[in-house]
């Protein structure tokens, strides 16, 4: 369990810059991150890969729209 004492290193205004934690807590955090990374590797399906390739080609060809235009189109189609 990730608990324990920690200390903050702050600047002259009291803004936290860093945190000092016990090594055991650090090791627990690292293990959690490593486990998450092992279990959550993104593995796209062949269909997703094809879609990504099509999207990439559309970007290369300049077939994109701005987020504002997309938002307007969605509002026009589905309402606010």
PDB file of N, CA and C in Angstrom:
ATOM      1  N   UNK A   1       0.842  -1.176   0.000  1.00  0.00           N
ATOM      2  CA  UNK A   1       0.000   0.000   0.000  1.00  0.00           C
ATOM      3  C   UNK A   1       0.886   1.236   0.000  1.00  0.00           C
ATOM      4  N   UNK A   2       0.526   2.209  -0.795  1.00  0.00           N
ATOM      5  CA  UNK A   2       1.323   3.420  -0.922  1.00  0.00           C
ATOM      6  C   UNK A   2       0.875   4.424   0.132  1.00  0.00           C
ATOM      7  N   UNK A   3       1.566   4.401   1.252  1.00  0.00           N
ATOM      8  CA  UNK A   3       1.331   5.362   2.320  1.00  0.00           C
ATOM      9  C   UNK A   3       2.671   5.680   2.936  1.00  0.00           C
ATOM     10  N   UNK A   4       2.702   6.639   3.794  1.00  0.00           N
ATOM     11  CA  UNK A   4       3.957   6.933   4.468  1.00  0.00           C
ATOM     12  C   UNK A   4       4.201   8.418   4.575  1.00  0.00           C
ATOM     13  N   UNK A   5       5.335   8.719   5.159  1.00  0.00           N
ATOM     14  CA  UNK A   5       5.708  10.109   5.336  1.00  0.00           C
ATOM     15  C   UNK A   5       6.308  10.643   4.049  1.00  0.00           C
ATOM     16  N   UNK A   6       6.021  11.884   3.784  1.00  0.00           N
ATOM     17  CA  UNK A   6       6.630  12.539   2.640  1.00  0.00           C
ATOM     18  C   UNK A   6       6.897  13.992   3.002  1.00  0.00           C
ATOM     19  N   UNK A   7       7.836  14.573   2.314  1.00  0.00           N
ATOM     20  CA  UNK A   7       8.194  15.965   2.538  1.00  0.00           C
ATOM     21  C   UNK A   7       8.199  16.674   1.195  1.00  0.00           C
ATOM     22  N   UNK A   8       7.781  17.934   1.223  1.00  0.00           N
ATOM     23  CA  UNK A   8       7.800  18.733   0.007  1.00  0.00           C
ATOM     24  C   UNK A   8       8.979  19.694   0.040  1.00  0.00           C
ATOM     25  N   UNK A   9       9.598  19.867  -1.105  1.00  0.00           N
ATOM     26  CA  UNK A   9      10.605  20.901  -1.284  1.00  0.00           C
ATOM     27  C   UNK A   9       9.898  22.018  -2.032  1.00  0.00           C
ATOM     28  N   UNK A  10       9.940  23.221  -1.465  1.00  0.00           N
ATOM     29  CA  UNK A  10       9.203  24.343  -2.034  1.00  0.00           C
ATOM     30  C   UNK A  10      10.140  25.478  -2.419  1.00  0.00           C
ATOM     31  N   UNK A  11       9.611  26.386  -3.247  1.00  0.00           N
ATOM     32  CA  UNK A  11      10.373  27.588  -3.553  1.00  0.00           C
ATOM     33  C   UNK A  11      10.106  28.620  -2.463  1.00  0.00           C
ATOM     34  N   UNK A  12      10.629  29.821  -2.634  1.00  0.00           N
ATOM     35  CA  UNK A  12      10.481  30.867  -1.613  1.00  0.00           C
ATOM     36  C   UNK A  12       9.036  31.282  -1.396  1.00  0.00           C
ATOM     37  N   UNK A  13       8.164  31.018  -2.368  1.00  0.00           N
ATOM     38  CA  UNK A  13       6.749  31.369  -2.238  1.00  0.00           C
ATOM     39  C   UNK A  13       5.918  30.232  -1.648  1.00  0.00           C
ATOM     40  N   UNK A  14       6.565  29.107  -1.369  1.00  0.00           N
ATOM     41  CA  UNK A  14       5.849  27.963  -0.819  1.00  0.00           C
ATOM     42  C   UNK A  14       5.252  27.045  -1.872  1.00  0.00           C
ATOM     43  N   UNK A  15       5.553  27.291  -3.130  1.00  0.00           N
ATOM     44  CA  UNK A  15       5.059  26.444  -4.208  1.00  0.00           C
ATOM     45  C   UNK A  15       5.842  25.136  -4.222  1.00  0.00           C
ATOM     46  N   UNK A  16       5.155  23.998  -4.136  1.00  0.00           N
ATOM     47  CA  UNK A  16       5.872  22.717  -4.142  1.00  0.00           C
ATOM     48  C   UNK A  16       6.639  22.511  -5.448  1.00  0.00           C
ATOM     49  N   UNK A  17       7.893  22.090  -5.322  1.00  0.00           N
ATOM     50  CA  UNK A  17       8.738  21.810  -6.479  1.00  0.00           C
ATOM     51  C   UNK A  17       9.047  20.330  -6.607  1.00  0.00           C
ATOM     52  N   UNK A  18       9.212  19.661  -5.479  1.00  0.00           N
ATOM     53  CA  UNK A  18       9.563  18.242  -5.458  1.00  0.00           C
ATOM     54  C   UNK A  18       8.977  17.621  -4.208  1.00  0.00           C
ATOM     55  N   UNK A  19       8.978  16.293  -4.199  1.00  0.00           N
ATOM     56  CA  UNK A  19       8.530  15.575  -3.015  1.00  0.00           C
ATOM     57  C   UNK A  19       9.567  14.513  -2.683  1.00  0.00           C
ATOM     58  N   UNK A  20       9.819  14.341  -1.408  1.00  0.00           N
ATOM     59  CA  UNK A  20      10.740  13.313  -0.922  1.00  0.00           C
ATOM     60  C   UNK A  20       9.889  12.262  -0.227  1.00  0.00           C
ATOM     61  N   UNK A  21      10.032  10.999  -0.681  1.00  0.00           N
ATOM     62  CA  UNK A  21       9.254   9.909  -0.094  1.00  0.00           C
ATOM     63  C   UNK A  21      10.199   8.797   0.332  1.00  0.00           C
ATOM     64  N   UNK A  22       9.776   7.976   1.290  1.00  0.00           N
ATOM     65  CA  UNK A  22      10.603   6.838   1.692  1.00  0.00           C
ATOM     66  C   UNK A  22      10.831   5.895   0.513  1.00  0.00           C
ATOM     67  N   UNK A  23      11.996   5.247   0.485  1.00  0.00           N
ATOM     68  CA  UNK A  23      12.355   4.369  -0.626  1.00  0.00           C
ATOM     69  C   UNK A  23      11.356   3.233  -0.804  1.00  0.00           C
ATOM     70  N   UNK A  24      10.812   2.706   0.278  1.00  0.00           N
ATOM     71  CA  UNK A  24       9.823   1.629   0.163  1.00  0.00           C
ATOM     72  C   UNK A  24       8.588   2.121  -0.587  1.00  0.00           C
ATOM     73  N   UNK A  25       8.150   3.320  -0.271  1.00  0.00           N
ATOM     74  CA  UNK A  25       6.992   3.884  -0.962  1.00  0.00           C
ATOM     75  C   UNK A  25       7.322   4.116  -2.441  1.00  0.00           C
ATOM     76  N   UNK A  26       8.509   4.615  -2.716  1.00  0.00           N
ATOM     77  CA  UNK A  26       8.945   4.812  -4.098  1.00  0.00           C
ATOM     78  C   UNK A  26       8.910   3.488  -4.862  1.00  0.00           C
ATOM     79  N   UNK A  27       9.470   2.434  -4.264  1.00  0.00           N
ATOM     80  CA  UNK A  27       9.493   1.124  -4.917  1.00  0.00           C
ATOM     81  C   UNK A  27       8.087   0.593  -5.180  1.00  0.00           C
ATOM     82  N   UNK A  28       7.164   0.833  -4.249  1.00  0.00           N
ATOM     83  CA  UNK A  28       5.780   0.407  -4.442  1.00  0.00           C
ATOM     84  C   UNK A  28       5.149   1.148  -5.619  1.00  0.00           C
ATOM     85  N   UNK A  29       5.412   2.432  -5.715  1.00  0.00           N
ATOM     86  CA  UNK A  29       4.872   3.228  -6.823  1.00  0.00           C
ATOM     87  C   UNK A  29       5.425   2.722  -8.149  1.00  0.00           C
ATOM     88  N   UNK A  30       6.728   2.476  -8.196  1.00  0.00           N
ATOM     89  CA  UNK A  30       7.352   1.972  -9.417  1.00  0.00           C
ATOM     90  C   UNK A  30       6.744   0.631  -9.814  1.00  0.00           C
ATOM     91  N   UNK A  31       6.516  -0.256  -8.858  1.00  0.00           N
ATOM     92  CA  UNK A  31       5.919  -1.562  -9.153  1.00  0.00           C
ATOM     93  C   UNK A  31       4.510  -1.399  -9.720  1.00  0.00           C
ATOM     94  N   UNK A  32       3.730  -0.493  -9.162  1.00  0.00           N
ATOM     95  CA  UNK A  32       2.375  -0.240  -9.666  1.00  0.00           C
ATOM     96  C   UNK A  32       2.433   0.263 -11.106  1.00  0.00           C
ATOM     97  N   UNK A  33       3.326   1.195 -11.383  1.00  0.00           N
ATOM     98  CA  UNK A  33       3.465   1.736 -12.739  1.00  0.00           C
ATOM     99  C   UNK A  33       3.906   0.649 -13.709  1.00  0.00           C
ATOM    100  N   UNK A  34       4.875  -0.160 -13.315  1.00  0.00           N
ATOM    101  CA  UNK A  34       5.349  -1.240 -14.187  1.00  0.00           C
ATOM    102  C   UNK A  34       4.251  -2.260 -14.457  1.00  0.00           C
ATOM    103  N   UNK A  35       3.475  -2.590 -13.441  1.00  0.00           N
ATOM    104  CA  UNK A  35       2.373  -3.532 -13.628  1.00  0.00           C
ATOM    105  C   UNK A  35       1.343  -2.945 -14.583  1.00  0.00           C
ATOM    106  N   UNK A  36       1.018  -1.685 -14.411  1.00  0.00           N
ATOM    107  CA  UNK A  36       0.070  -1.030 -15.314  1.00  0.00           C
ATOM    108  C   UNK A  36       0.588  -1.079 -16.747  1.00  0.00           C
ATOM    109  N   UNK A  37       1.866  -0.772 -16.935  1.00  0.00           N
ATOM    110  CA  UNK A  37       2.453  -0.786 -18.276  1.00  0.00           C
ATOM    111  C   UNK A  37       2.423  -2.177 -18.895  1.00  0.00           C
ATOM    112  N   UNK A  38       2.665  -3.202 -18.097  1.00  0.00           N
ATOM    113  CA  UNK A  38       2.630  -4.572 -18.612  1.00  0.00           C
ATOM    114  C   UNK A  38       1.226  -4.976 -19.045  1.00  0.00           C
ATOM    115  N   UNK A  39       0.233  -4.533 -18.297  1.00  0.00           N
ATOM    116  CA  UNK A  39      -1.139  -4.979 -18.524  1.00  0.00           C
ATOM    117  C   UNK A  39      -1.900  -4.129 -19.527  1.00  0.00           C
ATOM    118  N   UNK A  40      -1.391  -2.966 -19.860  1.00  0.00           N
ATOM    119  CA  UNK A  40      -2.186  -2.059 -20.689  1.00  0.00           C
ATOM    120  C   UNK A  40      -1.505  -1.701 -22.002  1.00  0.00           C
ATOM    121  N   UNK A  41      -0.706  -2.599 -22.522  1.00  0.00           N
ATOM    122  CA  UNK A  41      -0.070  -2.327 -23.809  1.00  0.00           C
ATOM    123  C   UNK A  41      -1.149  -2.243 -24.886  1.00  0.00           C
ATOM    124  N   UNK A  42      -1.074  -1.178 -25.663  1.00  0.00           N
ATOM    125  CA  UNK A  42      -2.034  -0.976 -26.745  1.00  0.00           C
ATOM    126  C   UNK A  42      -1.665  -1.881 -27.906  1.00  0.00           C
ATOM    127  N   UNK A  43      -2.569  -2.773 -28.259  1.00  0.00           N
ATOM    128  CA  UNK A  43      -2.350  -3.683 -29.378  1.00  0.00           C
ATOM    129  C   UNK A  43      -3.531  -3.535 -30.334  1.00  0.00           C
ATOM    130  N   UNK A  44      -3.383  -2.673 -31.334  1.00  0.00           N
ATOM    131  CA  UNK A  44      -4.515  -2.450 -32.240  1.00  0.00           C
ATOM    132  C   UNK A  44      -4.834  -3.683 -33.075  1.00  0.00           C
ATOM    133  N   UNK A  45      -6.116  -3.837 -33.345  1.00  0.00           N
ATOM    134  CA  UNK A  45      -6.573  -4.918 -34.216  1.00  0.00           C
ATOM    135  C   UNK A  45      -6.212  -4.572 -35.659  1.00  0.00           C
ATOM    136  N   UNK A  46      -6.276  -5.535 -36.568  1.00  0.00           N
ATOM    137  CA  UNK A  46      -6.024  -5.221 -37.984  1.00  0.00           C
ATOM    138  C   UNK A  46      -6.957  -4.127 -38.514  1.00  0.00           C
ATOM    139  N   UNK A  47      -8.210  -4.141 -38.075  1.00  0.00           N
ATOM    140  CA  UNK A  47      -9.162  -3.116 -38.506  1.00  0.00           C
ATOM    141  C   UNK A  47      -8.751  -1.743 -37.989  1.00  0.00           C
ATOM    142  N   UNK A  48      -8.298  -1.686 -36.738  1.00  0.00           N
ATOM    143  CA  UNK A  48      -7.839  -0.412 -36.179  1.00  0.00           C
ATOM    144  C   UNK A  48      -6.587   0.084 -36.898  1.00  0.00           C
ATOM    145  N   UNK A  49      -5.685  -0.829 -37.237  1.00  0.00           N
ATOM    146  CA  UNK A  49      -4.478  -0.447 -37.977  1.00  0.00           C
ATOM    147  C   UNK A  49      -4.847   0.129 -39.342  1.00  0.00           C
ATOM    148  N   UNK A  50      -5.808  -0.501 -40.013  1.00  0.00           N
ATOM    149  CA  UNK A  50      -6.250   0.003 -41.316  1.00  0.00           C
ATOM    150  C   UNK A  50      -6.845   1.401 -41.175  1.00  0.00           C
ATOM    151  N   UNK A  51      -7.661   1.593 -40.145  1.00  0.00           N
ATOM    152  CA  UNK A  51      -8.256   2.901 -39.901  1.00  0.00           C
ATOM    153  C   UNK A  51      -7.185   3.951 -39.614  1.00  0.00           C
ATOM    154  N   UNK A  52      -6.172   3.581 -38.827  1.00  0.00           N
ATOM    155  CA  UNK A  52      -5.077   4.507 -38.536  1.00  0.00           C
ATOM    156  C   UNK A  52      -4.298   4.861 -39.797  1.00  0.00           C
ATOM    157  N   UNK A  53      -4.071   3.885 -40.662  1.00  0.00           N
ATOM    158  CA  UNK A  53      -3.359   4.140 -41.916  1.00  0.00           C
ATOM    159  C   UNK A  53      -4.154   5.073 -42.820  1.00  0.00           C
ATOM    160  N   UNK A  54      -5.464   4.863 -42.897  1.00  0.00           N
ATOM    161  CA  UNK A  54      -6.324   5.743 -43.693  1.00  0.00           C
ATOM    162  C   UNK A  54      -6.286   7.155 -43.118  1.00  0.00           C
ATOM    163  N   UNK A  55      -6.400   7.265 -41.804  1.00  0.00           N
ATOM    164  CA  UNK A  55      -6.359   8.579 -41.155  1.00  0.00           C
ATOM    165  C   UNK A  55      -5.040   9.286 -41.423  1.00  0.00           C
ATOM    166  N   UNK A  56      -3.945   8.554 -41.325  1.00  0.00           N
ATOM    167  CA  UNK A  56      -2.634   9.141 -41.581  1.00  0.00           C
ATOM    168  C   UNK A  56      -2.540   9.647 -43.022  1.00  0.00           C
ATOM    169  N   UNK A  57      -3.048   8.874 -43.965  1.00  0.00           N
ATOM    170  CA  UNK A  57      -3.025   9.294 -45.370  1.00  0.00           C
ATOM    171  C   UNK A  57      -3.871  10.551 -45.564  1.00  0.00           C
ATOM    172  N   UNK A  58      -5.014  10.628 -44.901  1.00  0.00           N
ATOM    173  CA  UNK A  58      -5.864  11.814 -45.000  1.00  0.00           C
ATOM    174  C   UNK A  58      -5.151  13.043 -44.445  1.00  0.00           C
ATOM    175  N   UNK A  59      -4.397  12.870 -43.375  1.00  0.00           N
ATOM    176  CA  UNK A  59      -3.625  13.979 -42.811  1.00  0.00           C
ATOM    177  C   UNK A  59      -2.585  14.441 -43.819  1.00  0.00           C
ATOM    178  N   UNK A  60      -1.872  13.495 -44.417  1.00  0.00           N
ATOM    179  CA  UNK A  60      -0.847  13.828 -45.417  1.00  0.00           C
ATOM    180  C   UNK A  60      -1.464  14.598 -46.579  1.00  0.00           C
ATOM    181  N   UNK A  61      -2.669  14.210 -46.987  1.00  0.00           N
ATOM    182  CA  UNK A  61      -3.353  14.847 -48.112  1.00  0.00           C
ATOM    183  C   UNK A  61      -4.054  16.145 -47.718  1.00  0.00           C
ATOM    184  N   UNK A  62      -3.994  16.509 -46.446  1.00  0.00           N
ATOM    185  CA  UNK A  62      -4.627  17.748 -45.996  1.00  0.00           C
ATOM    186  C   UNK A  62      -6.128  17.654 -45.834  1.00  0.00           C
ATOM    187  N   UNK A  63      -6.646  16.462 -45.745  1.00  0.00           N
ATOM    188  CA  UNK A  63      -8.087  16.254 -45.592  1.00  0.00           C
ATOM    189  C   UNK A  63      -8.459  16.275 -44.114  1.00  0.00           C
ATOM    190  N   UNK A  64      -8.275  17.427 -43.501  1.00  0.00           N
ATOM    191  CA  UNK A  64      -8.578  17.589 -42.079  1.00  0.00           C
ATOM    192  C   UNK A  64      -9.491  18.792 -41.897  1.00  0.00           C
ATOM    193  N   UNK A  65     -10.106  18.886 -40.735  1.00  0.00           N
ATOM    194  CA  UNK A  65     -10.909  20.055 -40.387  1.00  0.00           C
ATOM    195  C   UNK A  65     -10.483  20.517 -39.001  1.00  0.00           C
ATOM    196  N   UNK A  66     -10.772  21.769 -38.708  1.00  0.00           N
ATOM    197  CA  UNK A  66     -10.422  22.305 -37.393  1.00  0.00           C
ATOM    198  C   UNK A  66     -11.384  21.774 -36.341  1.00  0.00           C
ATOM    199  N   UNK A  67     -10.972  21.855 -35.092  1.00  0.00           N
ATOM    200  CA  UNK A  67     -11.851  21.409 -34.010  1.00  0.00           C
ATOM    201  C   UNK A  67     -13.089  22.293 -33.930  1.00  0.00           C
ATOM    202  N   UNK A  68     -12.946  23.582 -34.270  1.00  0.00           N
ATOM    203  CA  UNK A  68     -14.113  24.477 -34.263  1.00  0.00           C
ATOM    204  C   UNK A  68     -15.116  24.047 -35.332  1.00  0.00           C
ATOM    205  N   UNK A  69     -14.617  23.689 -36.523  1.00  0.00           N
ATOM    206  CA  UNK A  69     -15.496  23.234 -37.594  1.00  0.00           C
ATOM    207  C   UNK A  69     -16.176  21.919 -37.211  1.00  0.00           C
ATOM    208  N   UNK A  70     -15.424  21.026 -36.608  1.00  0.00           N
ATOM    209  CA  UNK A  70     -16.000  19.760 -36.156  1.00  0.00           C
ATOM    210  C   UNK A  70     -17.099  20.010 -35.133  1.00  0.00           C
ATOM    211  N   UNK A  71     -16.825  20.887 -34.180  1.00  0.00           N
ATOM    212  CA  UNK A  71     -17.813  21.210 -33.156  1.00  0.00           C
ATOM    213  C   UNK A  71     -19.080  21.771 -33.791  1.00  0.00           C
ATOM    214  N   UNK A  72     -18.921  22.676 -34.761  1.00  0.00           N
ATOM    215  CA  UNK A  72     -20.080  23.256 -35.443  1.00  0.00           C
ATOM    216  C   UNK A  72     -20.869  22.177 -36.178  1.00  0.00           C
ATOM    217  N   UNK A  73     -20.169  21.301 -36.894  1.00  0.00           N
ATOM    218  CA  UNK A  73     -20.852  20.226 -37.627  1.00  0.00           C
ATOM    219  C   UNK A  73     -21.639  19.319 -36.681  1.00  0.00           C
ATOM    220  N   UNK A  74     -21.035  18.987 -35.544  1.00  0.00           N
ATOM    221  CA  UNK A  74     -21.721  18.120 -34.583  1.00  0.00           C
ATOM    222  C   UNK A  74     -22.934  18.809 -33.984  1.00  0.00           C
ATOM    223  N   UNK A  75     -22.799  20.113 -33.674  1.00  0.00           N
ATOM    224  CA  UNK A  75     -23.943  20.858 -33.137  1.00  0.00           C
ATOM    225  C   UNK A  75     -25.054  20.952 -34.164  1.00  0.00           C
ATOM    226  N   UNK A  76     -24.674  21.199 -35.439  1.00  0.00           N
ATOM    227  CA  UNK A  76     -25.679  21.274 -36.498  1.00  0.00           C
ATOM    228  C   UNK A  76     -26.410  19.943 -36.658  1.00  0.00           C
ATOM    229  N   UNK A  77     -25.676  18.853 -36.528  1.00  0.00           N
ATOM    230  CA  UNK A  77     -26.269  17.532 -36.736  1.00  0.00           C
ATOM    231  C   UNK A  77     -27.069  17.050 -35.528  1.00  0.00           C
ATOM    232  N   UNK A  78     -26.518  17.267 -34.315  1.00  0.00           N
ATOM    233  CA  UNK A  78     -27.124  16.689 -33.112  1.00  0.00           C
ATOM    234  C   UNK A  78     -27.720  17.716 -32.157  1.00  0.00           C
ATOM    235  N   UNK A  79     -27.525  18.979 -32.435  1.00  0.00           N
ATOM    236  CA  UNK A  79     -28.006  20.016 -31.535  1.00  0.00           C
ATOM    237  C   UNK A  79     -27.003  20.300 -30.445  1.00  0.00           C
ATOM    238  N   UNK A  80     -27.301  21.295 -29.649  1.00  0.00           N
ATOM    239  CA  UNK A  80     -26.359  21.688 -28.585  1.00  0.00           C
ATOM    240  C   UNK A  80     -26.570  20.857 -27.401  1.00  0.00           C
TER     241      UNK A  80
END
